[in-house]
Amino acid sequence: MHSYELAFEDWFVPEANLIGGSDGLGKGFYLQMQGFENGRLQTAARALGIMQAAYEAAVAYAAERKVFGSPIGDYQLTQYKLGRMA
């Protein structure tokens, strides 16, 4: 996600369009920080889902892939790596 700085000089916003109405005047920074908080939660949830999917794919691959007649999931190093992932 990219962030950009915007600057508005001598810009008037009618009270009807002010976020939070008259109570929101001068609180834009704090309202934006609340928005970032929600965005961070969504990003963390997305990352967790991707990690879970990667782990499940690795476990399935370790069960299917065979080397020297045995699934690689039977080997201690593979089990260790999957354990660390979990």
PDB file of N, CA and C in Angstrom:
ATOM      1  N   MET A   1       0.852  -1.167   0.000  1.00  0.00           N
ATOM      2  CA  MET A   1       0.000   0.000   0.000  1.00  0.00           C
ATOM      3  C   MET A   1       0.902   1.236   0.000  1.00  0.00           C
ATOM      4  N   HIS A   2       0.610   2.136  -0.883  1.00  0.00           N
ATOM      5  CA  HIS A   2       1.396   3.357  -0.975  1.00  0.00           C
ATOM      6  C   HIS A   2       0.684   4.485  -0.231  1.00  0.00           C
ATOM      7  N   SER A   3       1.455   5.359   0.339  1.00  0.00           N
ATOM      8  CA  SER A   3       0.904   6.525   1.024  1.00  0.00           C
ATOM      9  C   SER A   3       1.409   7.775   0.325  1.00  0.00           C
ATOM     10  N   TYR A   4       0.559   8.746   0.257  1.00  0.00           N
ATOM     11  CA  TYR A   4       0.913  10.011  -0.377  1.00  0.00           C
ATOM     12  C   TYR A   4       0.469  11.155   0.523  1.00  0.00           C
ATOM     13  N   GLU A   5       1.156  12.243   0.412  1.00  0.00           N
ATOM     14  CA  GLU A   5       0.804  13.426   1.191  1.00  0.00           C
ATOM     15  C   GLU A   5       0.005  14.374   0.310  1.00  0.00           C
ATOM     16  N   LEU A   6      -1.097  14.853   0.847  1.00  0.00           N
ATOM     17  CA  LEU A   6      -1.909  15.854   0.169  1.00  0.00           C
ATOM     18  C   LEU A   6      -1.966  17.086   1.050  1.00  0.00           C
ATOM     19  N   ALA A   7      -1.900  18.236   0.440  1.00  0.00           N
ATOM     20  CA  ALA A   7      -1.987  19.476   1.200  1.00  0.00           C
ATOM     21  C   ALA A   7      -3.038  20.370   0.549  1.00  0.00           C
ATOM     22  N   PHE A   8      -3.976  20.819   1.351  1.00  0.00           N
ATOM     23  CA  PHE A   8      -5.015  21.730   0.877  1.00  0.00           C
ATOM     24  C   PHE A   8      -4.884  23.025   1.665  1.00  0.00           C
ATOM     25  N   GLU A   9      -4.591  24.100   0.968  1.00  0.00           N
ATOM     26  CA  GLU A   9      -4.468  25.401   1.625  1.00  0.00           C
ATOM     27  C   GLU A   9      -5.699  26.232   1.294  1.00  0.00           C
ATOM     28  N   ASP A  10      -6.193  26.908   2.305  1.00  0.00           N
ATOM     29  CA  ASP A  10      -7.373  27.769   2.142  1.00  0.00           C
ATOM     30  C   ASP A  10      -8.545  26.989   1.553  1.00  0.00           C
ATOM     31  N   TRP A  11      -8.764  25.809   2.056  1.00  0.00           N
ATOM     32  CA  TRP A  11      -9.837  24.939   1.575  1.00  0.00           C
ATOM     33  C   TRP A  11     -10.958  24.946   2.603  1.00  0.00           C
ATOM     34  N   PHE A  12     -12.166  25.161   2.141  1.00  0.00           N
ATOM     35  CA  PHE A  12     -13.321  25.231   3.026  1.00  0.00           C
ATOM     36  C   PHE A  12     -14.187  23.993   2.827  1.00  0.00           C
ATOM     37  N   VAL A  13     -14.571  23.356   3.915  1.00  0.00           N
ATOM     38  CA  VAL A  13     -15.475  22.213   3.878  1.00  0.00           C
ATOM     39  C   VAL A  13     -16.736  22.606   4.629  1.00  0.00           C
ATOM     40  N   PRO A  14     -17.877  22.521   3.975  1.00  0.00           N
ATOM     41  CA  PRO A  14     -19.125  22.857   4.676  1.00  0.00           C
ATOM     42  C   PRO A  14     -19.346  21.916   5.856  1.00  0.00           C
ATOM     43  N   GLU A  15     -19.963  22.413   6.913  1.00  0.00           N
ATOM     44  CA  GLU A  15     -20.170  21.597   8.121  1.00  0.00           C
ATOM     45  C   GLU A  15     -20.948  20.324   7.808  1.00  0.00           C
ATOM     46  N   ALA A  16     -21.837  20.368   6.840  1.00  0.00           N
ATOM     47  CA  ALA A  16     -22.618  19.172   6.472  1.00  0.00           C
ATOM     48  C   ALA A  16     -21.722  18.061   5.929  1.00  0.00           C
ATOM     49  N   ASN A  17     -20.557  18.436   5.395  1.00  0.00           N
ATOM     50  CA  ASN A  17     -19.642  17.445   4.815  1.00  0.00           C
ATOM     51  C   ASN A  17     -18.472  17.117   5.732  1.00  0.00           C
ATOM     52  N   LEU A  18     -18.417  17.701   6.896  1.00  0.00           N
ATOM     53  CA  LEU A  18     -17.326  17.476   7.831  1.00  0.00           C
ATOM     54  C   LEU A  18     -17.542  16.154   8.561  1.00  0.00           C
ATOM     55  N   ILE A  19     -16.556  15.278   8.512  1.00  0.00           N
ATOM     56  CA  ILE A  19     -16.675  13.991   9.187  1.00  0.00           C
ATOM     57  C   ILE A  19     -16.786  14.236  10.685  1.00  0.00           C
ATOM     58  N   GLY A  20     -17.808  13.673  11.271  1.00  0.00           N
ATOM     59  CA  GLY A  20     -18.044  13.874  12.698  1.00  0.00           C
ATOM     60  C   GLY A  20     -18.790  15.161  13.002  1.00  0.00           C
ATOM     61  N   GLY A  21     -19.224  15.864  11.962  1.00  0.00           N
ATOM     62  CA  GLY A  21     -19.931  17.133  12.171  1.00  0.00           C
ATOM     63  C   GLY A  21     -19.038  18.144  12.858  1.00  0.00           C
ATOM     64  N   SER A  22     -19.625  19.022  13.644  1.00  0.00           N
ATOM     65  CA  SER A  22     -18.824  20.050  14.327  1.00  0.00           C
ATOM     66  C   SER A  22     -17.909  19.423  15.375  1.00  0.00           C
ATOM     67  N   ASP A  23     -18.276  18.232  15.888  1.00  0.00           N
ATOM     68  CA  ASP A  23     -17.414  17.535  16.859  1.00  0.00           C
ATOM     69  C   ASP A  23     -16.139  17.006  16.193  1.00  0.00           C
ATOM     70  N   GLY A  24     -16.148  16.851  14.871  1.00  0.00           N
ATOM     71  CA  GLY A  24     -14.973  16.332  14.169  1.00  0.00           C
ATOM     72  C   GLY A  24     -13.961  17.402  13.785  1.00  0.00           C
ATOM     73  N   LEU A  25     -14.294  18.656  13.992  1.00  0.00           N
ATOM     74  CA  LEU A  25     -13.403  19.752  13.629  1.00  0.00           C
ATOM     75  C   LEU A  25     -12.095  19.654  14.407  1.00  0.00           C
ATOM     76  N   GLY A  26     -10.972  19.587  13.716  1.00  0.00           N
ATOM     77  CA  GLY A  26      -9.658  19.524  14.344  1.00  0.00           C
ATOM     78  C   GLY A  26      -9.271  18.132  14.814  1.00  0.00           C
ATOM     79  N   LYS A  27     -10.063  17.127  14.484  1.00  0.00           N
ATOM     80  CA  LYS A  27      -9.773  15.768  14.935  1.00  0.00           C
ATOM     81  C   LYS A  27      -9.468  14.825  13.775  1.00  0.00           C
ATOM     82  N   GLY A  28      -9.145  15.384  12.636  1.00  0.00           N
ATOM     83  CA  GLY A  28      -8.871  14.572  11.453  1.00  0.00           C
ATOM     84  C   GLY A  28      -7.741  13.582  11.657  1.00  0.00           C
ATOM     85  N   PHE A  29      -6.678  14.002  12.334  1.00  0.00           N
ATOM     86  CA  PHE A  29      -5.537  13.106  12.583  1.00  0.00           C
ATOM     87  C   PHE A  29      -5.985  11.884  13.374  1.00  0.00           C
ATOM     88  N   TYR A  30      -6.760  12.095  14.411  1.00  0.00           N
ATOM     89  CA  TYR A  30      -7.193  10.995  15.275  1.00  0.00           C
ATOM     90  C   TYR A  30      -8.167  10.069  14.541  1.00  0.00           C
ATOM     91  N   LEU A  31      -9.032  10.645  13.721  1.00  0.00           N
ATOM     92  CA  LEU A  31      -9.940   9.819  12.923  1.00  0.00           C
ATOM     93  C   LEU A  31      -9.162   8.980  11.916  1.00  0.00           C
ATOM     94  N   GLN A  32      -8.128   9.564  11.324  1.00  0.00           N
ATOM     95  CA  GLN A  32      -7.299   8.824  10.358  1.00  0.00           C
ATOM     96  C   GLN A  32      -6.547   7.696  11.055  1.00  0.00           C
ATOM     97  N   MET A  33      -6.059   7.933  12.253  1.00  0.00           N
ATOM     98  CA  MET A  33      -5.350   6.882  12.989  1.00  0.00           C
ATOM     99  C   MET A  33      -6.278   5.706  13.305  1.00  0.00           C
ATOM    100  N   GLN A  34      -7.544   5.986  13.589  1.00  0.00           N
ATOM    101  CA  GLN A  34      -8.508   4.902  13.804  1.00  0.00           C
ATOM    102  C   GLN A  34      -8.691   4.094  12.528  1.00  0.00           C
ATOM    103  N   GLY A  35      -8.685   4.766  11.392  1.00  0.00           N
ATOM    104  CA  GLY A  35      -8.777   4.069  10.109  1.00  0.00           C
ATOM    105  C   GLY A  35      -7.568   3.183   9.870  1.00  0.00           C
ATOM    106  N   PHE A  36      -6.388   3.670  10.215  1.00  0.00           N
ATOM    107  CA  PHE A  36      -5.176   2.862  10.071  1.00  0.00           C
ATOM    108  C   PHE A  36      -5.235   1.629  10.965  1.00  0.00           C
ATOM    109  N   GLU A  37      -5.789   1.793  12.161  1.00  0.00           N
ATOM    110  CA  GLU A  37      -5.891   0.665  13.093  1.00  0.00           C
ATOM    111  C   GLU A  37      -6.710  -0.464  12.470  1.00  0.00           C
ATOM    112  N   ASN A  38      -7.833  -0.126  11.869  1.00  0.00           N
ATOM    113  CA  ASN A  38      -8.660  -1.134  11.207  1.00  0.00           C
ATOM    114  C   ASN A  38      -7.934  -1.739  10.012  1.00  0.00           C
ATOM    115  N   GLY A  39      -7.219  -0.931   9.263  1.00  0.00           N
ATOM    116  CA  GLY A  39      -6.468  -1.423   8.114  1.00  0.00           C
ATOM    117  C   GLY A  39      -5.381  -2.397   8.521  1.00  0.00           C
ATOM    118  N   ARG A  40      -4.728  -2.127   9.629  1.00  0.00           N
ATOM    119  CA  ARG A  40      -3.680  -3.034  10.116  1.00  0.00           C
ATOM    120  C   ARG A  40      -4.270  -4.375  10.531  1.00  0.00           C
ATOM    121  N   LEU A  41      -5.438  -4.367  11.133  1.00  0.00           N
ATOM    122  CA  LEU A  41      -6.100  -5.620  11.505  1.00  0.00           C
ATOM    123  C   LEU A  41      -6.435  -6.435  10.260  1.00  0.00           C
ATOM    124  N   GLN A  42      -6.916  -5.779   9.229  1.00  0.00           N
ATOM    125  CA  GLN A  42      -7.248  -6.481   7.989  1.00  0.00           C
ATOM    126  C   GLN A  42      -5.993  -7.047   7.335  1.00  0.00           C
ATOM    127  N   THR A  43      -4.917  -6.293   7.344  1.00  0.00           N
ATOM    128  CA  THR A  43      -3.664  -6.764   6.758  1.00  0.00           C
ATOM    129  C   THR A  43      -3.128  -7.965   7.519  1.00  0.00           C
ATOM    130  N   ALA A  44      -3.204  -7.924   8.840  1.00  0.00           N
ATOM    131  CA  ALA A  44      -2.739  -9.049   9.654  1.00  0.00           C
ATOM    132  C   ALA A  44      -3.582 -10.291   9.397  1.00  0.00           C
ATOM    133  N   ALA A  45      -4.892 -10.140   9.283  1.00  0.00           N
ATOM    134  CA  ALA A  45      -5.768 -11.279   9.021  1.00  0.00           C
ATOM    135  C   ALA A  45      -5.474 -11.886   7.650  1.00  0.00           C
ATOM    136  N   ARG A  46      -5.236 -11.037   6.674  1.00  0.00           N
ATOM    137  CA  ARG A  46      -4.902 -11.524   5.326  1.00  0.00           C
ATOM    138  C   ARG A  46      -3.588 -12.288   5.350  1.00  0.00           C
ATOM    139  N   ALA A  47      -2.590 -11.770   6.045  1.00  0.00           N
ATOM    140  CA  ALA A  47      -1.286 -12.434   6.131  1.00  0.00           C
ATOM    141  C   ALA A  47      -1.411 -13.787   6.832  1.00  0.00           C
ATOM    142  N   LEU A  48      -2.215 -13.838   7.875  1.00  0.00           N
ATOM    143  CA  LEU A  48      -2.415 -15.087   8.600  1.00  0.00           C
ATOM    144  C   LEU A  48      -3.065 -16.141   7.701  1.00  0.00           C
ATOM    145  N   GLY A  49      -4.036 -15.745   6.915  1.00  0.00           N
ATOM    146  CA  GLY A  49      -4.686 -16.666   5.977  1.00  0.00           C
ATOM    147  C   GLY A  49      -3.718 -17.195   4.935  1.00  0.00           C
ATOM    148  N   ILE A  50      -2.857 -16.325   4.427  1.00  0.00           N
ATOM    149  CA  ILE A  50      -1.866 -16.748   3.428  1.00  0.00           C
ATOM    150  C   ILE A  50      -0.868 -17.715   4.051  1.00  0.00           C
ATOM    151  N   MET A  51      -0.438 -17.439   5.285  1.00  0.00           N
ATOM    152  CA  MET A  51       0.495 -18.337   5.963  1.00  0.00           C
ATOM    153  C   MET A  51      -0.134 -19.705   6.205  1.00  0.00           C
ATOM    154  N   GLN A  52      -1.401 -19.723   6.599  1.00  0.00           N
ATOM    155  CA  GLN A  52      -2.098 -20.991   6.838  1.00  0.00           C
ATOM    156  C   GLN A  52      -2.190 -21.792   5.543  1.00  0.00           C
ATOM    157  N   ALA A  53      -2.534 -21.128   4.450  1.00  0.00           N
ATOM    158  CA  ALA A  53      -2.629 -21.812   3.163  1.00  0.00           C
ATOM    159  C   ALA A  53      -1.270 -22.351   2.724  1.00  0.00           C
ATOM    160  N   ALA A  54      -0.214 -21.597   2.946  1.00  0.00           N
ATOM    161  CA  ALA A  54       1.134 -22.048   2.580  1.00  0.00           C
ATOM    162  C   ALA A  54       1.536 -23.267   3.399  1.00  0.00           C
ATOM    163  N   TYR A  55       1.215 -23.257   4.687  1.00  0.00           N
ATOM    164  CA  TYR A  55       1.533 -24.395   5.550  1.00  0.00           C
ATOM    165  C   TYR A  55       0.780 -25.647   5.088  1.00  0.00           C
ATOM    166  N   GLU A  56      -0.507 -25.500   4.819  1.00  0.00           N
ATOM    167  CA  GLU A  56      -1.311 -26.640   4.378  1.00  0.00           C
ATOM    168  C   GLU A  56      -0.806 -27.188   3.043  1.00  0.00           C
ATOM    169  N   ALA A  57      -0.393 -26.306   2.141  1.00  0.00           N
ATOM    170  CA  ALA A  57       0.157 -26.751   0.860  1.00  0.00           C
ATOM    171  C   ALA A  57       1.483 -27.488   1.067  1.00  0.00           C
ATOM    172  N   ALA A  58       2.306 -27.015   1.994  1.00  0.00           N
ATOM    173  CA  ALA A  58       3.595 -27.670   2.271  1.00  0.00           C
ATOM    174  C   ALA A  58       3.384 -29.050   2.880  1.00  0.00           C
ATOM    175  N   VAL A  59       2.410 -29.181   3.780  1.00  0.00           N
ATOM    176  CA  VAL A  59       2.116 -30.486   4.390  1.00  0.00           C
ATOM    177  C   VAL A  59       1.625 -31.462   3.312  1.00  0.00           C
ATOM    178  N   ALA A  60       0.748 -31.003   2.435  1.00  0.00           N
ATOM    179  CA  ALA A  60       0.243 -31.862   1.360  1.00  0.00           C
ATOM    180  C   ALA A  60       1.375 -32.273   0.424  1.00  0.00           C
ATOM    181  N   TYR A  61       2.242 -31.342   0.085  1.00  0.00           N
ATOM    182  CA  TYR A  61       3.367 -31.645  -0.793  1.00  0.00           C
ATOM    183  C   TYR A  61       4.305 -32.649  -0.135  1.00  0.00           C
ATOM    184  N   ALA A  62       4.572 -32.491   1.158  1.00  0.00           N
ATOM    185  CA  ALA A  62       5.462 -33.407   1.875  1.00  0.00           C
ATOM    186  C   ALA A  62       4.889 -34.822   1.919  1.00  0.00           C
ATOM    187  N   ALA A  63       3.561 -34.925   1.916  1.00  0.00           N
ATOM    188  CA  ALA A  63       2.933 -36.244   1.927  1.00  0.00           C
ATOM    189  C   ALA A  63       2.950 -36.888   0.541  1.00  0.00           C
ATOM    190  N   GLU A  64       2.900 -36.074  -0.515  1.00  0.00           N
ATOM    191  CA  GLU A  64       2.829 -36.596  -1.886  1.00  0.00           C
ATOM    192  C   GLU A  64       4.199 -36.833  -2.516  1.00  0.00           C
ATOM    193  N   ARG A  65       5.149 -35.966  -2.249  1.00  0.00           N
ATOM    194  CA  ARG A  65       6.475 -36.022  -2.883  1.00  0.00           C
ATOM    195  C   ARG A  65       7.285 -37.164  -2.290  1.00  0.00           C
ATOM    196  N   LYS A  66       7.779 -38.030  -3.170  1.00  0.00           N
ATOM    197  CA  LYS A  66       8.556 -39.173  -2.700  1.00  0.00           C
ATOM    198  C   LYS A  66       9.999 -39.075  -3.167  1.00  0.00           C
ATOM    199  N   VAL A  67      10.901 -39.417  -2.261  1.00  0.00           N
ATOM    200  CA  VAL A  67      12.339 -39.462  -2.549  1.00  0.00           C
ATOM    201  C   VAL A  67      12.843 -40.786  -1.991  1.00  0.00           C
ATOM    202  N   PHE A  68      13.560 -41.523  -2.816  1.00  0.00           N
ATOM    203  CA  PHE A  68      14.078 -42.829  -2.420  1.00  0.00           C
ATOM    204  C   PHE A  68      12.971 -43.740  -1.889  1.00  0.00           C
ATOM    205  N   GLY A  69      11.777 -43.623  -2.499  1.00  0.00           N
ATOM    206  CA  GLY A  69      10.672 -44.501  -2.161  1.00  0.00           C
ATOM    207  C   GLY A  69       9.846 -44.107  -0.952  1.00  0.00           C
ATOM    208  N   SER A  70      10.177 -43.006  -0.290  1.00  0.00           N
ATOM    209  CA  SER A  70       9.422 -42.564   0.889  1.00  0.00           C
ATOM    210  C   SER A  70       8.972 -41.112   0.720  1.00  0.00           C
ATOM    211  N   PRO A  71       7.807 -40.781   1.267  1.00  0.00           N
ATOM    212  CA  PRO A  71       7.394 -39.369   1.235  1.00  0.00           C
ATOM    213  C   PRO A  71       8.391 -38.521   2.014  1.00  0.00           C
ATOM    214  N   ILE A  72       8.635 -37.319   1.521  1.00  0.00           N
ATOM    215  CA  ILE A  72       9.620 -36.469   2.206  1.00  0.00           C
ATOM    216  C   ILE A  72       9.142 -36.080   3.597  1.00  0.00           C
ATOM    217  N   GLY A  73       7.841 -36.215   3.848  1.00  0.00           N
ATOM    218  CA  GLY A  73       7.309 -35.939   5.178  1.00  0.00           C
ATOM    219  C   GLY A  73       7.772 -36.937   6.229  1.00  0.00           C
ATOM    220  N   ASP A  74       8.312 -38.070   5.782  1.00  0.00           N
ATOM    221  CA  ASP A  74       8.833 -39.072   6.719  1.00  0.00           C
ATOM    222  C   ASP A  74      10.226 -38.710   7.222  1.00  0.00           C
ATOM    223  N   TYR A  75      10.885 -37.773   6.557  1.00  0.00           N
ATOM    224  CA  TYR A  75      12.252 -37.417   6.927  1.00  0.00           C
ATOM    225  C   TYR A  75      12.254 -36.377   8.043  1.00  0.00           C
ATOM    226  N   GLN A  76      13.200 -36.529   8.942  1.00  0.00           N
ATOM    227  CA  GLN A  76      13.249 -35.706  10.145  1.00  0.00           C
ATOM    228  C   GLN A  76      13.411 -34.221   9.822  1.00  0.00           C
ATOM    229  N   LEU A  77      14.242 -33.896   8.846  1.00  0.00           N
ATOM    230  CA  LEU A  77      14.460 -32.479   8.526  1.00  0.00           C
ATOM    231  C   LEU A  77      13.172 -31.833   8.012  1.00  0.00           C
ATOM    232  N   THR A  78      12.429 -32.560   7.176  1.00  0.00           N
ATOM    233  CA  THR A  78      11.161 -32.030   6.673  1.00  0.00           C
ATOM    234  C   THR A  78      10.175 -31.856   7.819  1.00  0.00           C
ATOM    235  N   GLN A  79      10.124 -32.816   8.725  1.00  0.00           N
ATOM    236  CA  GLN A  79       9.235 -32.710   9.878  1.00  0.00           C
ATOM    237  C   GLN A  79       9.612 -31.509  10.747  1.00  0.00           C
ATOM    238  N   TYR A  80      10.903 -31.296  10.902  1.00  0.00           N
ATOM    239  CA  TYR A  80      11.373 -30.153  11.683  1.00  0.00           C
ATOM    240  C   TYR A  80      10.936 -28.844  11.030  1.00  0.00           C
ATOM    241  N   LYS A  81      11.119 -28.755   9.702  1.00  0.00           N
ATOM    242  CA  LYS A  81      10.755 -27.521   8.988  1.00  0.00           C
ATOM    243  C   LYS A  81       9.252 -27.271   9.058  1.00  0.00           C
ATOM    244  N   LEU A  82       8.456 -28.328   8.904  1.00  0.00           N
ATOM    245  CA  LEU A  82       7.007 -28.160   9.000  1.00  0.00           C
ATOM    246  C   LEU A  82       6.603 -27.774  10.422  1.00  0.00           C
ATOM    247  N   GLY A  83       7.285 -28.339  11.395  1.00  0.00           N
ATOM    248  CA  GLY A  83       7.024 -27.980  12.787  1.00  0.00           C
ATOM    249  C   GLY A  83       7.321 -26.516  13.056  1.00  0.00           C
ATOM    250  N   ARG A  84       8.411 -26.026  12.482  1.00  0.00           N
ATOM    251  CA  ARG A  84       8.755 -24.599  12.655  1.00  0.00           C
ATOM    252  C   ARG A  84       7.714 -23.719  11.974  1.00  0.00           C
ATOM    253  N   MET A  85       7.235 -24.149  10.818  1.00  0.00           N
ATOM    254  CA  MET A  85       6.206 -23.378  10.127  1.00  0.00           C
ATOM    255  C   MET A  85       4.929 -23.297  10.974  1.00  0.00           C
ATOM    256  N   ALA A  86       4.574 -24.447  11.546  1.00  0.00           N
ATOM    257  CA  ALA A  86       3.341 -24.486  12.353  1.00  0.00           C
ATOM    258  C   ALA A  86       3.493 -23.581  13.567  1.00  0.00           C
TER     259      ALA A  86
END
